[in-house]
Amino acid sequence: MSPPTKCDVPIVHLFIARDGCELVSGHAPLFFDIAIKQTMKLTAMVRSGSKAALGTHDKVSRKFSGWAESYRERTKRGLDFSAALIILIMLSPILVLIGCLIILDDGYPIVYRHTRIGKGGRAFYCFKFRTMVRNGDQVLREHLARDPAAREEWSGSRKLQRDPRVTRLGAFLRKTSLDELPQLVNVLKGEMSLVGPRPIVAGEARLYGSKIALYKRVRPGMTGPWQIGGRSDLSYARRVEMDCEYVLGWNFQKDLYILVRTIPAVLRSSGSY
C-alpha cells in the first residue's frame, strides 16, 4: 500500500489489537477510507487466528508510525524555517550593530564557525558571533596546562567560568546569548532547529556513550532543555539525560514550552559563561 498523497480527514494514530482496532485522535493525517478498509481486512484475519495477519499487523503499525513521524518532522521543519526567517529579518539591525561592535573591539572576523555534529551524525558548520580572541585554541591549551583546577572544570563540563579566551564584548554577548543569533542561518539551511539538544563537537560524542544515537535522531537546537535547565551550572551527565528525555518525549507542546521558558532563562543569565 503506497502512502497517501493528499490529506482529506485528520485521523491520528491507528492501533490494531489482536481482537480488534481502535482509532484515536492525534496529530498524523491519514486517509480515513484507506485506513478503515485495511483495518477491517486485517482485523478479520487476526480474529481468524492467521499467523500471516499477526506479521502484517506489525508491518502496518510500523508503516503508519513512519508516516506520522515523517509528517511531524516536516511540520516542525516548516515552522522552524518560517519563524527563523521572520526573526532574522526583524533582528537584522541588531545583527549589523553587533557586527560593527565586534570589529571595533577586536577586529575581524565577525562570525565564528565551528564543526558540530548534526542529525544523522552529519557534520555542519555552526555559526556564532565571535566572542573569543583569534588564537583561542592556543590560549586554552596554555591555560589548562598551568591550571589543574581549570583542567578539572573543563573535563567535567567542557566550559570554564573564567575563560581567558573570551573578549570584553564577548562576555556580554555570551551572557545574553546574543552570540548565538547567527544560528538562525543554520536553521534556515536545515542544519538546526529552533528547539532541540544543543549542538556538540565530535569530542563530546564520547560523553554520550551509547545514547549518542538518540542525539543523532533530531536536529540540534538553538535552545533546548539544557538551555532552560541551568546551562553550564549542570553536569554534562545531566545534560545528556535531559537531551535523551527530550528526544524520547518530543511533541509540539514541549517545544513551545521550551521557547517560552528560554526568554526568562536568558534574562536571568543563569549558567551562562
Protein backbone atom coordinates (compact mmCIF):
# COMPACT_ATOMS: atom_id res chain seq x y z
CA MET A 1 0.00 0.00 0.00
CA SER A 2 1.52 3.34 -1.08
CA PRO A 3 1.35 6.30 1.31
CA PRO A 4 -1.44 8.82 0.57
CA THR A 5 -0.55 11.93 -1.37
CA LYS A 6 -3.32 14.19 -0.10
CA CYS A 7 -4.91 14.60 3.30
CA ASP A 8 -8.71 14.85 3.47
CA VAL A 9 -9.56 13.88 7.05
CA PRO A 10 -7.30 14.29 10.12
CA ILE A 11 -7.00 10.92 11.84
CA VAL A 12 -4.06 10.42 14.04
CA HIS A 13 -2.93 7.07 15.15
CA LEU A 14 -4.07 3.61 14.22
CA PHE A 15 -3.84 0.95 16.88
CA ILE A 16 -4.68 -2.65 15.98
CA ALA A 17 -5.05 -5.26 18.69
CA ARG A 18 -5.48 -8.98 18.31
CA ASP A 19 -9.23 -8.69 18.91
CA GLY A 20 -9.99 -5.51 17.02
CA CYS A 21 -8.96 -1.97 16.29
CA GLU A 22 -9.32 1.49 17.70
CA LEU A 23 -8.90 4.92 16.10
CA VAL A 24 -7.63 7.62 18.43
CA SER A 25 -7.42 11.38 17.77
CA GLY A 26 -3.92 12.85 17.47
CA HIS A 27 -1.55 14.55 15.05
CA ALA A 28 -0.77 12.39 11.99
CA PRO A 29 -3.04 12.76 8.91
CA LEU A 30 -4.20 9.54 7.25
CA PHE A 31 -6.82 8.74 4.66
CA PHE A 32 -9.88 7.61 6.59
CA ASP A 33 -11.21 5.30 3.92
CA ILE A 34 -7.85 3.57 3.29
CA ALA A 35 -7.21 3.12 6.99
CA ILE A 36 -10.67 1.68 7.67
CA LYS A 37 -10.62 -0.74 4.74
CA GLN A 38 -7.17 -2.06 5.58
CA THR A 39 -8.03 -2.25 9.27
CA MET A 40 -11.27 -4.18 8.73
CA LYS A 41 -9.50 -6.65 6.45
CA LEU A 42 -6.62 -7.13 8.88
CA THR A 43 -8.95 -7.41 11.89
CA ALA A 44 -10.87 -10.22 10.25
CA MET A 45 -7.62 -12.05 9.56
CA VAL A 46 -6.39 -11.55 13.13
CA ARG A 47 -9.66 -12.83 14.60
CA SER A 48 -9.38 -15.93 12.44
CA GLY A 49 -6.02 -16.62 14.09
CA SER A 50 -3.98 -16.15 10.94
CA LYS A 51 -0.23 -16.04 11.64
CA ALA A 52 0.24 -14.03 8.49
CA ALA A 53 -2.13 -11.41 9.90
CA LEU A 54 -0.04 -11.00 13.03
CA GLY A 55 3.02 -10.29 10.91
CA THR A 56 1.01 -7.91 8.75
CA HIS A 57 -0.13 -6.15 11.93
CA ASP A 58 3.47 -5.31 12.79
CA LYS A 59 4.22 -4.09 9.26
CA VAL A 60 1.13 -1.87 9.15
CA SER A 61 1.88 -0.43 12.59
CA ARG A 62 5.45 0.40 11.55
CA LYS A 63 4.27 1.94 8.28
CA PHE A 64 1.68 4.18 9.94
CA SER A 65 4.19 5.16 12.63
CA GLY A 66 6.67 6.11 9.90
CA TRP A 67 4.09 8.30 8.15
CA ALA A 68 3.18 10.00 11.41
CA GLU A 69 6.83 10.67 12.30
CA SER A 70 7.56 11.99 8.81
CA TYR A 71 4.55 14.31 8.99
CA ARG A 72 5.58 15.69 12.38
CA GLU A 73 9.15 16.22 11.19
CA ARG A 74 8.03 18.07 8.04
CA THR A 75 5.67 20.24 10.08
CA LYS A 76 8.40 21.12 12.56
CA ARG A 77 10.81 21.92 9.74
CA GLY A 78 8.25 24.24 8.13
CA LEU A 79 7.62 26.08 11.39
CA ASP A 80 11.37 26.36 12.03
CA PHE A 81 12.04 27.88 8.61
CA SER A 82 9.18 30.37 8.78
CA ALA A 83 9.95 31.54 12.31
CA ALA A 84 13.72 31.79 11.68
CA LEU A 85 13.19 33.88 8.55
CA ILE A 86 10.85 36.31 10.33
CA ILE A 87 13.17 36.63 13.35
CA LEU A 88 16.21 37.14 11.13
CA ILE A 89 14.51 39.99 9.24
CA MET A 90 13.25 41.63 12.43
CA LEU A 91 16.62 41.46 14.18
CA SER A 92 18.78 42.41 11.18
CA PRO A 93 19.57 45.93 12.56
CA ILE A 94 20.76 44.38 15.85
CA LEU A 95 22.89 41.84 13.96
CA VAL A 96 24.56 44.63 11.98
CA LEU A 97 25.20 46.61 15.17
CA ILE A 98 26.78 43.62 16.92
CA GLY A 99 29.00 43.02 13.90
CA CYS A 100 30.25 46.62 13.98
CA LEU A 101 30.96 46.39 17.73
CA ILE A 102 32.99 43.20 17.27
CA ILE A 103 35.14 44.91 14.63
CA LEU A 104 35.75 47.89 16.90
CA ASP A 105 36.55 45.68 19.90
CA ASP A 106 38.82 43.03 18.37
CA GLY A 107 38.76 43.31 14.59
CA TYR A 108 37.76 40.60 12.13
CA PRO A 109 36.34 38.00 11.74
CA ILE A 110 32.83 38.85 12.92
CA VAL A 111 31.36 35.36 12.76
CA TYR A 112 32.99 32.22 14.08
CA ARG A 113 32.13 28.84 12.63
CA HIS A 114 32.90 25.52 14.20
CA THR A 115 32.19 21.96 13.12
CA ARG A 116 29.36 20.33 15.06
CA ILE A 117 27.51 17.02 14.87
CA GLY A 118 24.03 17.26 13.38
CA LYS A 119 21.13 14.96 12.61
CA GLY A 120 22.21 11.54 11.40
CA GLY A 121 25.76 12.22 12.59
CA ARG A 122 26.38 14.63 9.69
CA ALA A 123 28.91 17.38 10.42
CA PHE A 124 28.00 21.01 9.75
CA TYR A 125 29.39 24.46 10.42
CA CYS A 126 27.62 26.06 13.39
CA PHE A 127 27.69 29.87 13.27
CA LYS A 128 28.17 32.23 16.23
CA PHE A 129 29.30 35.79 16.70
CA ARG A 130 32.97 35.63 17.60
CA THR A 131 33.36 36.09 21.35
CA MET A 132 36.94 34.87 21.77
CA VAL A 133 40.40 36.04 20.84
CA ARG A 134 41.59 34.83 17.44
CA ASN A 135 44.21 32.43 18.88
CA GLY A 136 41.71 30.93 21.29
CA ASP A 137 42.82 27.30 20.92
CA GLN A 138 46.39 28.15 21.85
CA VAL A 139 45.29 30.30 24.79
CA LEU A 140 43.10 27.46 26.10
CA ARG A 141 45.87 24.86 25.85
CA GLU A 142 48.30 27.07 27.73
CA HIS A 143 45.72 27.93 30.40
CA LEU A 144 44.77 24.28 31.04
CA ALA A 145 48.42 23.25 31.13
CA ARG A 146 49.22 25.59 34.01
CA ASP A 147 45.91 25.45 35.94
CA PRO A 148 44.86 22.00 37.33
CA ALA A 149 41.56 23.35 38.66
CA ALA A 150 40.65 24.69 35.24
CA ARG A 151 41.58 21.34 33.68
CA GLU A 152 39.20 19.53 36.01
CA GLU A 153 36.41 22.03 35.34
CA TRP A 154 36.91 21.71 31.58
CA SER A 155 36.91 17.90 31.62
CA GLY A 156 33.64 17.85 33.57
CA SER A 157 31.54 20.34 31.61
CA ARG A 158 33.62 21.48 28.60
CA LYS A 159 33.11 25.00 29.97
CA LEU A 160 35.13 27.47 32.05
CA GLN A 161 33.55 30.08 34.29
CA ARG A 162 36.60 32.28 33.82
CA ASP A 163 37.60 31.59 30.25
CA PRO A 164 40.75 33.52 29.27
CA ARG A 165 39.80 33.32 25.59
CA VAL A 166 36.66 35.47 25.91
CA THR A 167 36.88 39.15 24.93
CA ARG A 168 35.19 42.00 26.84
CA LEU A 169 32.36 42.29 24.33
CA GLY A 170 32.25 38.52 24.02
CA ALA A 171 31.47 38.15 27.71
CA PHE A 172 28.39 40.34 27.28
CA LEU A 173 27.25 38.53 24.14
CA ARG A 174 27.58 35.17 25.86
CA LYS A 175 25.77 36.28 28.98
CA THR A 176 22.81 37.49 26.91
CA SER A 177 23.06 34.62 24.35
CA LEU A 178 23.23 37.20 21.56
CA ASP A 179 26.29 35.39 20.22
CA GLU A 180 24.00 32.57 19.07
CA LEU A 181 21.76 34.66 16.79
CA PRO A 182 23.73 33.71 13.62
CA GLN A 183 22.47 30.16 14.17
CA LEU A 184 19.22 31.37 12.63
CA VAL A 185 21.07 30.84 9.35
CA ASN A 186 21.74 27.22 10.37
CA VAL A 187 18.00 26.83 10.98
CA LEU A 188 17.18 28.21 7.52
CA LYS A 189 19.67 25.77 5.98
CA GLY A 190 18.01 22.84 7.75
CA GLU A 191 21.06 22.02 9.84
CA MET A 192 19.47 23.09 13.12
CA SER A 193 16.05 23.57 14.67
CA LEU A 194 14.79 26.33 16.93
CA VAL A 195 14.41 23.73 19.71
CA GLY A 196 16.45 20.59 20.28
CA PRO A 197 19.58 19.30 22.01
CA ARG A 198 22.38 21.86 21.86
CA PRO A 199 24.90 21.06 19.10
CA ILE A 200 28.02 19.22 20.21
CA VAL A 201 31.54 18.84 18.82
CA ALA A 202 32.99 15.46 17.87
CA GLY A 203 34.99 15.27 21.10
CA GLU A 204 31.81 15.42 23.18
CA ALA A 205 30.21 12.40 21.49
CA ARG A 206 32.08 10.02 23.81
CA LEU A 207 30.40 11.69 26.79
CA TYR A 208 27.03 10.49 25.44
CA GLY A 209 28.16 6.87 25.23
CA SER A 210 25.52 4.63 23.66
CA LYS A 211 22.98 7.45 23.98
CA ILE A 212 24.63 9.34 21.13
CA ALA A 213 22.20 7.52 18.81
CA LEU A 214 19.31 9.44 20.40
CA TYR A 215 21.11 12.76 19.92
CA LYS A 216 21.59 11.98 16.22
CA ARG A 217 17.87 11.31 15.68
CA VAL A 218 16.97 15.01 15.66
CA ARG A 219 18.38 18.35 14.53
CA PRO A 220 20.27 20.21 17.27
CA GLY A 221 18.52 23.34 18.51
CA MET A 222 19.25 26.99 19.20
CA THR A 223 17.59 26.38 22.55
CA GLY A 224 16.60 23.25 24.37
CA PRO A 225 16.11 21.58 27.73
CA TRP A 226 19.73 22.26 28.75
CA GLN A 227 19.32 25.95 27.88
CA ILE A 228 16.39 26.43 30.25
CA GLY A 229 17.51 23.95 32.89
CA GLY A 230 20.64 25.67 34.14
CA ARG A 231 23.08 25.51 31.23
CA SER A 232 26.70 25.37 32.38
CA ASP A 233 25.65 25.02 36.03
CA LEU A 234 24.61 21.44 35.19
CA SER A 235 26.93 18.48 34.95
CA TYR A 236 27.46 17.06 31.49
CA ALA A 237 25.87 13.77 32.54
CA ARG A 238 22.69 15.66 33.45
CA ARG A 239 22.78 17.43 30.10
CA VAL A 240 22.87 14.06 28.33
CA GLU A 241 19.90 12.84 30.38
CA MET A 242 17.88 15.95 29.50
CA ASP A 243 18.67 15.61 25.80
CA CYS A 244 17.56 11.97 25.79
CA GLU A 245 14.36 12.78 27.67
CA TYR A 246 13.60 15.49 25.12
CA VAL A 247 14.11 13.22 22.10
CA LEU A 248 12.08 10.33 23.53
CA GLY A 249 9.20 12.54 24.70
CA TRP A 250 9.17 15.13 21.92
CA ASN A 251 5.97 16.94 20.93
CA PHE A 252 4.99 20.42 19.74
CA GLN A 253 3.74 21.43 23.19
CA LYS A 254 7.15 20.68 24.67
CA ASP A 255 8.86 22.83 22.02
CA LEU A 256 6.52 25.72 22.75
CA TYR A 257 7.14 25.35 26.49
CA ILE A 258 10.91 25.46 25.96
CA LEU A 259 10.69 28.52 23.67
CA VAL A 260 8.61 30.42 26.24
CA ARG A 261 10.94 29.41 29.10
CA THR A 262 14.01 30.47 27.09
CA ILE A 263 13.18 34.18 27.39
CA PRO A 264 13.31 34.40 31.21
CA ALA A 265 16.27 31.98 31.27
CA VAL A 266 18.25 34.33 29.01
CA LEU A 267 17.22 37.39 31.04
CA ARG A 268 18.38 35.70 34.26
CA SER A 269 21.65 34.71 32.56
CA SER A 270 21.73 31.63 34.77
CA GLY A 271 24.58 29.29 33.92
CA SER A 272 25.76 31.44 31.02
CA TYR A 273 29.51 31.85 30.79
